[in-house]
Each structure stands twice: as C-alpha cells, then as structure tokens.
C-alpha cells in the first residue's frame, strides 16, 4: 500500500475544498502508519519535507499531495523529478488564491472521499536552463506585472488575485520592449529563427497563469509540446485590447499576438531581462528551454 504525504500550506485561502489536518486524520484513522501530514511554517518547508519523505520511503509507491495554492508545486515537482520520478506522484487540492495549475484538470466531482481512491497519469515538465518548470515560463511585460503585484501584496495581503490586475495598471505607464533572438524547434521538427522587439513571451505547459490569464487555451500538460505565445511591439492605444485578447487566448487574426507549438528553444537578449518560472522571478540574457515528456506522475481525482 502506498505511503501518502499531505502538505498543508499555511498561506492558502478558503475555498470550497477547505480541508484541514483534522479532516485528514479522521479520513485516514485506519491508516495512521501510511499517512503523514505536515503544515508548512517556514520557507522551503514543503521542499524539505518532500525530500525527507522520499528518502525515508525508498522503493515504495508514494503520493505527495499539496493542499494549497500553486506556490509549492514547482519546487515539489523538481524534487520528485530529480529523486524519485518512478515511485512518487504529485497531486493538488486547490486551496489557494489563483489555483492556475489546477485549471488544467477537472475537480467537478471532487470531495474529501476522493482522497481514498485516486489515480495517476504522466504529465510533462519544462526544463529551463538548470531548473524545472511545471506550468509556465514567461518573460517581459508580464514578469514586470508580477513583480509589481508582489509589491502590492506585501502591503495589502488581502487583495489576492486583484493584485495582479493592479500590477497591470501600475506597469503600463513604464512599458518597455526588448530586442530578442529566438531559435525554436517546432512540433514538426522545423527550426525557426527570428529577431524582433517583444513585449512578452510565455512558454506554456499548462494553459493558465497570472491569476486566471489563459493565453494558450489549447495547451495540455500531457501532449508532449509547449505552446509559445508572444506579443510584438504594438501601438500604445492598442495595449488594453491586446491584454484582453491575451487574457482570454483570443489570438486569431491578431497582428501582434502569435502562438507556436514547440519542443525546445533558445531566447537571447543583449542584456538581462526579467523572467519567471512558475512565479519565481529571475534575470537572464540567455534562456534555454525544452519539453520533458511524461516526466512525473500526476494524481487526478475523477
């Protein structure tokens, strides 16, 4: 019988799936030796707990389930991929503010009893330089928005996903474009190369990020390809309508928004630019990425 680790995020909000430690203890009262429950209370707690759990339960099937938001998924996915991708699986009970990654799956029939009978399927990951990304790698304007949203949340934690929209408004007056060189291998094996001025680029494994933005509605986390969406330099007056198009994935017939399905690629800039991996901001002038097909086991409940 598999071992289960539940990671309850201390930063998650209230949702319809408001499941606490006592609920889980009651559910698994007959399997106390197989189930471990932790509540995160310091930086990297989830990451450390996952690593320790894997190392303490070698060569047995394991499930690591996060009850919270998207914040820890990237770190936990990387630990599983590096140390136990064959025997460990990752799952999510969406209890955060945005829950963007959970939107790639159906929770329509989810209840606490679903935790007694779940299944696994393989999903893809993105390798980004020397890091792992589970959802979206993005760079340019939307990372500036994210940086401003984090600053707003630091001052007003209760704003939740509204902080991202406020971040958009704060970022528009300081909008800038970056000269980028892109070298891509598309899903047919063709090599594409081009230089241009870009507002942003997003390399999507999942279809949602940024508190509900859905720039790549056709993206699937298990299809073996990445959806690269980019926006070129545009007249300022058209920016609000482009943001709306980008949010809802309305890329058809747009002169400035494009989507390419790719396997891997290289993005180079003349200077360091802001980028982020699943919300973790970094700077670089050289970003290599590629799909890792069927990288880890994902837990689904329907």
C-alpha atoms as a PDB file:
ATOM      1  CA  UNK A   1       0.000   0.000   0.000  1.00  0.00           C
ATOM      2  CA  UNK A   2       1.376   3.415  -0.954  1.00  0.00           C
ATOM      3  CA  UNK A   3       2.635   5.982   1.518  1.00  0.00           C
ATOM      4  CA  UNK A   4       0.993   9.425   1.440  1.00  0.00           C
ATOM      5  CA  UNK A   5       2.366  12.827   2.431  1.00  0.00           C
ATOM      6  CA  UNK A   6      -0.049  15.745   2.765  1.00  0.00           C
ATOM      7  CA  UNK A   7       1.455  19.226   2.705  1.00  0.00           C
ATOM      8  CA  UNK A   8      -0.977  21.815   4.071  1.00  0.00           C
ATOM      9  CA  UNK A   9       0.032  25.297   3.014  1.00  0.00           C
ATOM     10  CA  UNK A  10      -0.098  27.902   5.768  1.00  0.00           C
ATOM     11  CA  UNK A  11      -0.648  30.616   3.120  1.00  0.00           C
ATOM     12  CA  UNK A  12      -3.638  29.072   1.355  1.00  0.00           C
ATOM     13  CA  UNK A  13      -7.031  30.734   1.493  1.00  0.00           C
ATOM     14  CA  UNK A  14     -10.547  29.463   1.996  1.00  0.00           C
ATOM     15  CA  UNK A  15     -12.104  27.601  -0.929  1.00  0.00           C
ATOM     16  CA  UNK A  16     -14.831  25.057  -1.461  1.00  0.00           C
ATOM     17  CA  UNK A  17     -12.147  22.434  -0.764  1.00  0.00           C
ATOM     18  CA  UNK A  18     -11.380  23.660   2.734  1.00  0.00           C
ATOM     19  CA  UNK A  19      -9.689  20.532   4.081  1.00  0.00           C
ATOM     20  CA  UNK A  20      -7.703  20.672   7.307  1.00  0.00           C
ATOM     21  CA  UNK A  21      -5.427  18.425   9.319  1.00  0.00           C
ATOM     22  CA  UNK A  22      -8.242  17.051  11.497  1.00  0.00           C
ATOM     23  CA  UNK A  23     -10.313  16.175   8.416  1.00  0.00           C
ATOM     24  CA  UNK A  24      -7.431  14.135   7.028  1.00  0.00           C
ATOM     25  CA  UNK A  25      -6.752  12.410  10.347  1.00  0.00           C
ATOM     26  CA  UNK A  26     -10.375  11.352  10.525  1.00  0.00           C
ATOM     27  CA  UNK A  27     -10.364  10.153   6.912  1.00  0.00           C
ATOM     28  CA  UNK A  28      -7.260   8.013   7.438  1.00  0.00           C
ATOM     29  CA  UNK A  29      -7.873   6.866  11.011  1.00  0.00           C
ATOM     30  CA  UNK A  30      -7.251   3.254   9.972  1.00  0.00           C
ATOM     31  CA  UNK A  31      -4.042   4.051   8.067  1.00  0.00           C
ATOM     32  CA  UNK A  32      -2.069   6.176  10.528  1.00  0.00           C
ATOM     33  CA  UNK A  33       1.237   4.487   9.681  1.00  0.00           C
ATOM     34  CA  UNK A  34       0.852   5.133   5.963  1.00  0.00           C
ATOM     35  CA  UNK A  35      -0.129   8.804   6.054  1.00  0.00           C
ATOM     36  CA  UNK A  36       1.948  11.797   7.153  1.00  0.00           C
ATOM     37  CA  UNK A  37       0.501  15.309   7.428  1.00  0.00           C
ATOM     38  CA  UNK A  38       2.556  18.477   7.764  1.00  0.00           C
ATOM     39  CA  UNK A  39       1.591  22.133   7.944  1.00  0.00           C
ATOM     40  CA  UNK A  40       4.180  24.440   6.391  1.00  0.00           C
ATOM     41  CA  UNK A  41       5.532  27.114   8.708  1.00  0.00           C
ATOM     42  CA  UNK A  42       8.836  28.286   7.207  1.00  0.00           C
ATOM     43  CA  UNK A  43      10.450  28.965   3.835  1.00  0.00           C
ATOM     44  CA  UNK A  44      11.190  25.803   1.803  1.00  0.00           C
ATOM     45  CA  UNK A  45       9.354  23.640   4.357  1.00  0.00           C
ATOM     46  CA  UNK A  46       7.371  21.860   1.621  1.00  0.00           C
ATOM     47  CA  UNK A  47      10.502  21.211  -0.424  1.00  0.00           C
ATOM     48  CA  UNK A  48      12.444  19.829   2.538  1.00  0.00           C
ATOM     49  CA  UNK A  49       9.517  17.688   3.722  1.00  0.00           C
ATOM     50  CA  UNK A  50       9.136  16.161   0.239  1.00  0.00           C
ATOM     51  CA  UNK A  51      12.834  15.320   0.022  1.00  0.00           C
ATOM     52  CA  UNK A  52      12.849  13.745   3.503  1.00  0.00           C
ATOM     53  CA  UNK A  53       9.676  11.779   2.751  1.00  0.00           C
ATOM     54  CA  UNK A  54      11.153  10.365  -0.462  1.00  0.00           C
ATOM     55  CA  UNK A  55      14.425   9.416   1.188  1.00  0.00           C
ATOM     56  CA  UNK A  56      12.642   7.786   4.150  1.00  0.00           C
ATOM     57  CA  UNK A  57      10.436   5.641   1.923  1.00  0.00           C
ATOM     58  CA  UNK A  58      12.711   4.276  -0.785  1.00  0.00           C
ATOM     59  CA  UNK A  59      11.444   1.745  -3.320  1.00  0.00           C
ATOM     60  CA  UNK A  60       7.765   2.048  -2.329  1.00  0.00           C
ATOM     61  CA  UNK A  61       4.929   3.867  -4.063  1.00  0.00           C
ATOM     62  CA  UNK A  62       4.384   7.357  -2.668  1.00  0.00           C
ATOM     63  CA  UNK A  63       1.873  10.170  -3.140  1.00  0.00           C
ATOM     64  CA  UNK A  64       2.692  13.773  -2.243  1.00  0.00           C
ATOM     65  CA  UNK A  65      -0.464  15.907  -2.181  1.00  0.00           C
ATOM     66  CA  UNK A  66      -0.397  19.679  -1.695  1.00  0.00           C
ATOM     67  CA  UNK A  67      -3.441  21.245  -0.063  1.00  0.00           C
ATOM     68  CA  UNK A  68      -2.885  24.855  -1.015  1.00  0.00           C
ATOM     69  CA  UNK A  69      -2.088  27.050  -3.998  1.00  0.00           C
ATOM     70  CA  UNK A  70       0.350  26.797  -6.870  1.00  0.00           C
ATOM     71  CA  UNK A  71       3.286  28.186  -4.906  1.00  0.00           C
ATOM     72  CA  UNK A  72       4.989  24.960  -3.841  1.00  0.00           C
ATOM     73  CA  UNK A  73       4.155  22.809  -6.873  1.00  0.00           C
ATOM     74  CA  UNK A  74       7.197  23.801  -8.879  1.00  0.00           C
ATOM     75  CA  UNK A  75       9.634  23.013  -6.057  1.00  0.00           C
ATOM     76  CA  UNK A  76       7.981  19.696  -5.214  1.00  0.00           C
ATOM     77  CA  UNK A  77       7.802  18.671  -8.882  1.00  0.00           C
ATOM     78  CA  UNK A  78      11.541  19.314  -9.197  1.00  0.00           C
ATOM     79  CA  UNK A  79      12.338  17.187  -6.125  1.00  0.00           C
ATOM     80  CA  UNK A  80      10.189  14.328  -7.425  1.00  0.00           C
ATOM     81  CA  UNK A  81      11.710  14.547 -10.911  1.00  0.00           C
ATOM     82  CA  UNK A  82      15.285  14.554  -9.604  1.00  0.00           C
ATOM     83  CA  UNK A  83      15.000  11.939  -6.881  1.00  0.00           C
ATOM     84  CA  UNK A  84      12.052   9.583  -7.399  1.00  0.00           C
ATOM     85  CA  UNK A  85      10.107  10.113 -10.604  1.00  0.00           C
ATOM     86  CA  UNK A  86       9.233   6.413 -10.911  1.00  0.00           C
ATOM     87  CA  UNK A  87       7.745   5.756  -7.479  1.00  0.00           C
ATOM     88  CA  UNK A  88       6.399   9.167  -6.423  1.00  0.00           C
ATOM     89  CA  UNK A  89       3.360  11.054  -7.672  1.00  0.00           C
ATOM     90  CA  UNK A  90       2.240  14.653  -7.148  1.00  0.00           C
ATOM     91  CA  UNK A  91      -1.270  15.968  -6.563  1.00  0.00           C
ATOM     92  CA  UNK A  92      -3.053  19.197  -5.672  1.00  0.00           C
ATOM     93  CA  UNK A  93      -6.123  20.108  -3.670  1.00  0.00           C
ATOM     94  CA  UNK A  94      -6.721  23.692  -4.905  1.00  0.00           C
ATOM     95  CA  UNK A  95      -6.977  25.875  -1.811  1.00  0.00           C
ATOM     96  CA  UNK A  96      -5.015  28.935  -2.906  1.00  0.00           C
ATOM     97  CA  UNK A  97      -5.903  32.328  -4.304  1.00  0.00           C
ATOM     98  CA  UNK A  98      -5.419  31.751  -8.027  1.00  0.00           C
ATOM     99  CA  UNK A  99      -5.124  27.960  -8.419  1.00  0.00           C
ATOM    100  CA  UNK A 100      -3.952  28.383 -12.015  1.00  0.00           C
ATOM    101  CA  UNK A 101      -2.389  24.945 -12.482  1.00  0.00           C
ATOM    102  CA  UNK A 102      -5.463  23.156 -11.125  1.00  0.00           C
ATOM    103  CA  UNK A 103      -7.490  24.632 -14.011  1.00  0.00           C
ATOM    104  CA  UNK A 104      -5.808  22.083 -16.301  1.00  0.00           C
ATOM    105  CA  UNK A 105      -7.801  19.339 -14.542  1.00  0.00           C
ATOM    106  CA  UNK A 106     -11.393  18.706 -13.519  1.00  0.00           C
ATOM    107  CA  UNK A 107     -12.336  18.970  -9.852  1.00  0.00           C
ATOM    108  CA  UNK A 108     -16.056  18.949 -10.620  1.00  0.00           C
ATOM    109  CA  UNK A 109     -16.776  15.811  -8.620  1.00  0.00           C
ATOM    110  CA  UNK A 110     -14.055  16.239  -6.018  1.00  0.00           C
ATOM    111  CA  UNK A 111     -14.812  15.651  -2.344  1.00  0.00           C
ATOM    112  CA  UNK A 112     -12.694  14.605   0.609  1.00  0.00           C
ATOM    113  CA  UNK A 113     -13.648  10.982  -0.088  1.00  0.00           C
ATOM    114  CA  UNK A 114     -11.905  11.306  -3.465  1.00  0.00           C
ATOM    115  CA  UNK A 115      -8.654  11.139  -1.499  1.00  0.00           C
ATOM    116  CA  UNK A 116      -9.329   7.472  -0.746  1.00  0.00           C
ATOM    117  CA  UNK A 117      -9.323   6.433  -4.393  1.00  0.00           C
ATOM    118  CA  UNK A 118      -7.160   8.418  -6.797  1.00  0.00           C
ATOM    119  CA  UNK A 119      -5.290   7.559  -9.984  1.00  0.00           C
ATOM    120  CA  UNK A 120      -2.059   8.615 -11.688  1.00  0.00           C
ATOM    121  CA  UNK A 121      -1.146   9.763 -15.159  1.00  0.00           C
ATOM    122  CA  UNK A 122       2.079  11.076 -16.637  1.00  0.00           C
ATOM    123  CA  UNK A 123       2.470  14.803 -17.270  1.00  0.00           C
ATOM    124  CA  UNK A 124       5.180  16.855 -18.964  1.00  0.00           C
ATOM    125  CA  UNK A 125       7.574  19.354 -17.417  1.00  0.00           C
ATOM    126  CA  UNK A 126       9.730  22.123 -18.877  1.00  0.00           C
ATOM    127  CA  UNK A 127      13.488  22.209 -18.408  1.00  0.00           C
ATOM    128  CA  UNK A 128      14.626  25.839 -18.162  1.00  0.00           C
ATOM    129  CA  UNK A 129      18.414  26.213 -18.104  1.00  0.00           C
ATOM    130  CA  UNK A 130      19.195  24.152 -14.975  1.00  0.00           C
ATOM    131  CA  UNK A 131      15.736  24.405 -13.412  1.00  0.00           C
ATOM    132  CA  UNK A 132      12.379  22.660 -13.736  1.00  0.00           C
ATOM    133  CA  UNK A 133       9.071  24.358 -14.559  1.00  0.00           C
ATOM    134  CA  UNK A 134       5.701  22.644 -14.145  1.00  0.00           C
ATOM    135  CA  UNK A 135       3.402  25.306 -15.593  1.00  0.00           C
ATOM    136  CA  UNK A 136       4.652  28.445 -17.384  1.00  0.00           C
ATOM    137  CA  UNK A 137       7.958  30.134 -18.142  1.00  0.00           C
ATOM    138  CA  UNK A 138       7.409  33.767 -19.101  1.00  0.00           C
ATOM    139  CA  UNK A 139       9.454  36.886 -19.668  1.00  0.00           C
ATOM    140  CA  UNK A 140       8.998  40.554 -20.384  1.00  0.00           C
ATOM    141  CA  UNK A 141       5.980  42.681 -19.505  1.00  0.00           C
ATOM    142  CA  UNK A 142       4.045  40.043 -17.567  1.00  0.00           C
ATOM    143  CA  UNK A 143       7.010  39.454 -15.246  1.00  0.00           C
ATOM    144  CA  UNK A 144       7.188  43.196 -14.574  1.00  0.00           C
ATOM    145  CA  UNK A 145       3.462  42.979 -13.774  1.00  0.00           C
ATOM    146  CA  UNK A 146       4.152  40.048 -11.453  1.00  0.00           C
ATOM    147  CA  UNK A 147       6.933  41.935  -9.685  1.00  0.00           C
ATOM    148  CA  UNK A 148       4.597  44.885  -9.099  1.00  0.00           C
ATOM    149  CA  UNK A 149       1.813  42.538  -7.969  1.00  0.00           C
ATOM    150  CA  UNK A 150       4.121  41.025  -5.341  1.00  0.00           C
ATOM    151  CA  UNK A 151       4.964  44.513  -4.048  1.00  0.00           C
ATOM    152  CA  UNK A 152       1.269  45.337  -3.822  1.00  0.00           C
ATOM    153  CA  UNK A 153       0.553  42.076  -1.988  1.00  0.00           C
ATOM    154  CA  UNK A 154       3.330  42.786   0.510  1.00  0.00           C
ATOM    155  CA  UNK A 155       1.464  45.926   1.521  1.00  0.00           C
ATOM    156  CA  UNK A 156      -2.065  44.539   1.125  1.00  0.00           C
ATOM    157  CA  UNK A 157      -2.075  40.701   1.507  1.00  0.00           C
ATOM    158  CA  UNK A 158      -5.881  40.507   1.403  1.00  0.00           C
ATOM    159  CA  UNK A 159      -6.090  41.724  -2.201  1.00  0.00           C
ATOM    160  CA  UNK A 160      -5.473  38.209  -3.551  1.00  0.00           C
ATOM    161  CA  UNK A 161      -5.774  37.924  -7.335  1.00  0.00           C
ATOM    162  CA  UNK A 162      -6.809  41.601  -7.618  1.00  0.00           C
ATOM    163  CA  UNK A 163      -3.155  42.438  -7.006  1.00  0.00           C
ATOM    164  CA  UNK A 164      -2.253  41.072 -10.447  1.00  0.00           C
ATOM    165  CA  UNK A 165      -4.740  43.382 -12.181  1.00  0.00           C
ATOM    166  CA  UNK A 166      -3.431  46.321 -10.154  1.00  0.00           C
ATOM    167  CA  UNK A 167       0.052  45.227 -11.201  1.00  0.00           C
ATOM    168  CA  UNK A 168      -1.041  45.528 -14.841  1.00  0.00           C
ATOM    169  CA  UNK A 169      -2.265  49.094 -14.308  1.00  0.00           C
ATOM    170  CA  UNK A 170       0.928  50.052 -12.492  1.00  0.00           C
ATOM    171  CA  UNK A 171       3.141  48.550 -15.211  1.00  0.00           C
ATOM    172  CA  UNK A 172       1.511  50.036 -18.317  1.00  0.00           C
ATOM    173  CA  UNK A 173       2.981  53.574 -17.933  1.00  0.00           C
ATOM    174  CA  UNK A 174       6.502  52.107 -17.758  1.00  0.00           C
ATOM    175  CA  UNK A 175       6.082  49.654 -20.602  1.00  0.00           C
ATOM    176  CA  UNK A 176       9.219  48.672 -22.494  1.00  0.00           C
ATOM    177  CA  UNK A 177      10.152  46.348 -25.342  1.00  0.00           C
ATOM    178  CA  UNK A 178      13.112  44.015 -25.584  1.00  0.00           C
ATOM    179  CA  UNK A 179      15.193  43.024 -28.586  1.00  0.00           C
ATOM    180  CA  UNK A 180      15.155  39.232 -28.530  1.00  0.00           C
ATOM    181  CA  UNK A 181      16.623  36.493 -30.680  1.00  0.00           C
ATOM    182  CA  UNK A 182      14.550  33.303 -30.768  1.00  0.00           C
ATOM    183  CA  UNK A 183      15.744  29.949 -32.069  1.00  0.00           C
ATOM    184  CA  UNK A 184      12.985  27.330 -31.884  1.00  0.00           C
ATOM    185  CA  UNK A 185      12.271  23.747 -32.843  1.00  0.00           C
ATOM    186  CA  UNK A 186       8.581  23.415 -33.555  1.00  0.00           C
ATOM    187  CA  UNK A 187       6.425  20.334 -33.011  1.00  0.00           C
ATOM    188  CA  UNK A 188       7.138  19.161 -36.585  1.00  0.00           C
ATOM    189  CA  UNK A 189      10.913  19.295 -36.135  1.00  0.00           C
ATOM    190  CA  UNK A 190      11.356  22.506 -38.146  1.00  0.00           C
ATOM    191  CA  UNK A 191      13.935  25.070 -36.983  1.00  0.00           C
ATOM    192  CA  UNK A 192      12.705  28.669 -36.703  1.00  0.00           C
ATOM    193  CA  UNK A 193      14.881  31.725 -36.120  1.00  0.00           C
ATOM    194  CA  UNK A 194      13.905  35.385 -35.788  1.00  0.00           C
ATOM    195  CA  UNK A 195      14.847  38.702 -34.182  1.00  0.00           C
ATOM    196  CA  UNK A 196      12.309  41.317 -33.147  1.00  0.00           C
ATOM    197  CA  UNK A 197      11.142  43.670 -30.423  1.00  0.00           C
ATOM    198  CA  UNK A 198       8.883  41.855 -27.990  1.00  0.00           C
ATOM    199  CA  UNK A 199       6.515  42.931 -25.239  1.00  0.00           C
ATOM    200  CA  UNK A 200       6.380  39.470 -23.688  1.00  0.00           C
ATOM    201  CA  UNK A 201       6.776  35.755 -24.330  1.00  0.00           C
ATOM    202  CA  UNK A 202       5.186  32.867 -22.449  1.00  0.00           C
ATOM    203  CA  UNK A 203       6.168  29.220 -22.840  1.00  0.00           C
ATOM    204  CA  UNK A 204       3.184  27.255 -21.601  1.00  0.00           C
ATOM    205  CA  UNK A 205       2.932  23.671 -20.412  1.00  0.00           C
ATOM    206  CA  UNK A 206      -0.399  24.414 -18.743  1.00  0.00           C
ATOM    207  CA  UNK A 207      -2.902  26.872 -20.164  1.00  0.00           C
ATOM    208  CA  UNK A 208      -3.377  29.230 -17.201  1.00  0.00           C
ATOM    209  CA  UNK A 209      -1.167  31.562 -15.173  1.00  0.00           C
ATOM    210  CA  UNK A 210      -1.121  35.059 -13.671  1.00  0.00           C
ATOM    211  CA  UNK A 211      -4.327  34.683 -11.629  1.00  0.00           C
ATOM    212  CA  UNK A 212      -6.552  33.415 -14.394  1.00  0.00           C
ATOM    213  CA  UNK A 213      -4.883  34.554 -17.616  1.00  0.00           C
ATOM    214  CA  UNK A 214      -5.397  31.901 -20.296  1.00  0.00           C
ATOM    215  CA  UNK A 215      -3.151  32.833 -23.241  1.00  0.00           C
ATOM    216  CA  UNK A 216      -2.903  29.246 -24.539  1.00  0.00           C
ATOM    217  CA  UNK A 217      -6.335  27.556 -24.282  1.00  0.00           C
ATOM    218  CA  UNK A 218      -5.170  24.570 -26.337  1.00  0.00           C
ATOM    219  CA  UNK A 219      -2.221  23.817 -24.031  1.00  0.00           C
ATOM    220  CA  UNK A 220      -2.261  20.382 -22.409  1.00  0.00           C
ATOM    221  CA  UNK A 221       0.153  19.187 -19.743  1.00  0.00           C
ATOM    222  CA  UNK A 222       0.464  15.725 -21.289  1.00  0.00           C
ATOM    223  CA  UNK A 223       0.642  16.346 -25.058  1.00  0.00           C
ATOM    224  CA  UNK A 224       4.438  16.446 -25.450  1.00  0.00           C
ATOM    225  CA  UNK A 225       4.565  20.008 -26.803  1.00  0.00           C
ATOM    226  CA  UNK A 226       4.832  23.535 -25.434  1.00  0.00           C
ATOM    227  CA  UNK A 227       2.693  26.472 -26.504  1.00  0.00           C
ATOM    228  CA  UNK A 228       4.854  29.566 -27.039  1.00  0.00           C
ATOM    229  CA  UNK A 229       2.758  32.737 -27.093  1.00  0.00           C
ATOM    230  CA  UNK A 230       4.385  36.092 -27.806  1.00  0.00           C
ATOM    231  CA  UNK A 231       3.435  39.717 -28.311  1.00  0.00           C
ATOM    232  CA  UNK A 232       5.434  42.048 -30.522  1.00  0.00           C
ATOM    233  CA  UNK A 233       5.742  45.816 -30.202  1.00  0.00           C
ATOM    234  CA  UNK A 234       2.366  47.486 -30.605  1.00  0.00           C
ATOM    235  CA  UNK A 235       0.881  50.993 -30.583  1.00  0.00           C
ATOM    236  CA  UNK A 236       0.161  52.076 -27.009  1.00  0.00           C
ATOM    237  CA  UNK A 237      -3.503  52.755 -27.791  1.00  0.00           C
ATOM    238  CA  UNK A 238      -3.981  49.085 -28.697  1.00  0.00           C
ATOM    239  CA  UNK A 239      -2.403  47.757 -25.498  1.00  0.00           C
ATOM    240  CA  UNK A 240      -5.631  47.426 -23.428  1.00  0.00           C
ATOM    241  CA  UNK A 241      -7.345  45.400 -26.145  1.00  0.00           C
ATOM    242  CA  UNK A 242      -4.237  43.209 -26.546  1.00  0.00           C
ATOM    243  CA  UNK A 243      -4.191  42.490 -22.804  1.00  0.00           C
ATOM    244  CA  UNK A 244      -7.824  41.372 -23.004  1.00  0.00           C
ATOM    245  CA  UNK A 245      -7.052  39.173 -26.015  1.00  0.00           C
ATOM    246  CA  UNK A 246      -4.064  37.711 -24.202  1.00  0.00           C
ATOM    247  CA  UNK A 247      -6.044  37.024 -21.024  1.00  0.00           C
ATOM    248  CA  UNK A 248      -8.670  35.010 -22.884  1.00  0.00           C
ATOM    249  CA  UNK A 249      -6.440  33.413 -25.519  1.00  0.00           C
ATOM    250  CA  UNK A 250      -8.047  35.280 -28.424  1.00  0.00           C
ATOM    251  CA  UNK A 251      -5.036  35.148 -30.713  1.00  0.00           C
ATOM    252  CA  UNK A 252      -6.848  34.618 -34.016  1.00  0.00           C
ATOM    253  CA  UNK A 253      -6.225  37.258 -36.682  1.00  0.00           C
ATOM    254  CA  UNK A 254      -4.057  39.308 -34.335  1.00  0.00           C
ATOM    255  CA  UNK A 255      -1.174  41.151 -35.961  1.00  0.00           C
ATOM    256  CA  UNK A 256       0.716  41.349 -32.681  1.00  0.00           C
ATOM    257  CA  UNK A 257      -0.101  38.141 -30.790  1.00  0.00           C
ATOM    258  CA  UNK A 258       1.134  34.795 -32.103  1.00  0.00           C
ATOM    259  CA  UNK A 259       1.320  31.200 -30.902  1.00  0.00           C
ATOM    260  CA  UNK A 260       3.730  28.451 -31.954  1.00  0.00           C
ATOM    261  CA  UNK A 261       3.822  24.855 -30.743  1.00  0.00           C
ATOM    262  CA  UNK A 262       7.411  23.974 -29.936  1.00  0.00           C
ATOM    263  CA  UNK A 263       9.603  21.249 -28.474  1.00  0.00           C
ATOM    264  CA  UNK A 264      12.531  23.384 -27.369  1.00  0.00           C
ATOM    265  CA  UNK A 265      14.154  26.728 -27.910  1.00  0.00           C
ATOM    266  CA  UNK A 266      16.653  29.424 -27.064  1.00  0.00           C
ATOM    267  CA  UNK A 267      15.857  33.037 -26.191  1.00  0.00           C
ATOM    268  CA  UNK A 268      18.742  35.528 -26.144  1.00  0.00           C
ATOM    269  CA  UNK A 269      18.819  39.203 -25.225  1.00  0.00           C
ATOM    270  CA  UNK A 270      21.543  41.858 -25.331  1.00  0.00           C
ATOM    271  CA  UNK A 271      21.065  42.500 -21.616  1.00  0.00           C
ATOM    272  CA  UNK A 272      19.488  40.745 -18.654  1.00  0.00           C
ATOM    273  CA  UNK A 273      15.699  40.723 -18.734  1.00  0.00           C
ATOM    274  CA  UNK A 274      13.117  39.816 -16.110  1.00  0.00           C
ATOM    275  CA  UNK A 275      11.617  36.347 -16.402  1.00  0.00           C
ATOM    276  CA  UNK A 276       9.847  33.930 -14.100  1.00  0.00           C
ATOM    277  CA  UNK A 277       9.410  30.200 -13.648  1.00  0.00           C
ATOM    278  CA  UNK A 278       6.016  29.472 -12.117  1.00  0.00           C
ATOM    279  CA  UNK A 279       6.075  32.840 -10.366  1.00  0.00           C
ATOM    280  CA  UNK A 280       9.714  32.733  -9.231  1.00  0.00           C
ATOM    281  CA  UNK A 281      11.373  35.820 -10.724  1.00  0.00           C
ATOM    282  CA  UNK A 282      14.918  35.767 -12.095  1.00  0.00           C
ATOM    283  CA  UNK A 283      17.119  37.703 -14.536  1.00  0.00           C
ATOM    284  CA  UNK A 284      18.964  36.312 -17.535  1.00  0.00           C
ATOM    285  CA  UNK A 285      20.041  37.180 -21.070  1.00  0.00           C
ATOM    286  CA  UNK A 286      20.161  33.544 -22.204  1.00  0.00           C
ATOM    287  CA  UNK A 287      17.250  31.168 -21.622  1.00  0.00           C
ATOM    288  CA  UNK A 288      17.206  27.618 -22.976  1.00  0.00           C
ATOM    289  CA  UNK A 289      14.089  25.512 -22.602  1.00  0.00           C
ATOM    290  CA  UNK A 290      12.725  22.163 -23.731  1.00  0.00           C
ATOM    291  CA  UNK A 291       9.823  19.842 -23.042  1.00  0.00           C
ATOM    292  CA  UNK A 292      10.427  16.820 -20.820  1.00  0.00           C
ATOM    293  CA  UNK A 293       7.747  14.407 -21.928  1.00  0.00           C
ATOM    294  CA  UNK A 294       5.936  12.215 -19.389  1.00  0.00           C
ATOM    295  CA  UNK A 295       8.287  13.490 -16.695  1.00  0.00           C
ATOM    296  CA  UNK A 296       6.369  12.774 -13.484  1.00  0.00           C
ATOM    297  CA  UNK A 297       3.209  11.088 -12.233  1.00  0.00           C
ATOM    298  CA  UNK A 298       0.267  13.396 -11.571  1.00  0.00           C
ATOM    299  CA  UNK A 299      -2.612  12.463  -9.252  1.00  0.00           C
ATOM    300  CA  UNK A 300      -6.122  13.073 -10.535  1.00  0.00           C
ATOM    301  CA  UNK A 301      -9.324  12.563  -8.612  1.00  0.00           C
ATOM    302  CA  UNK A 302     -12.014  11.997 -11.302  1.00  0.00           C
END
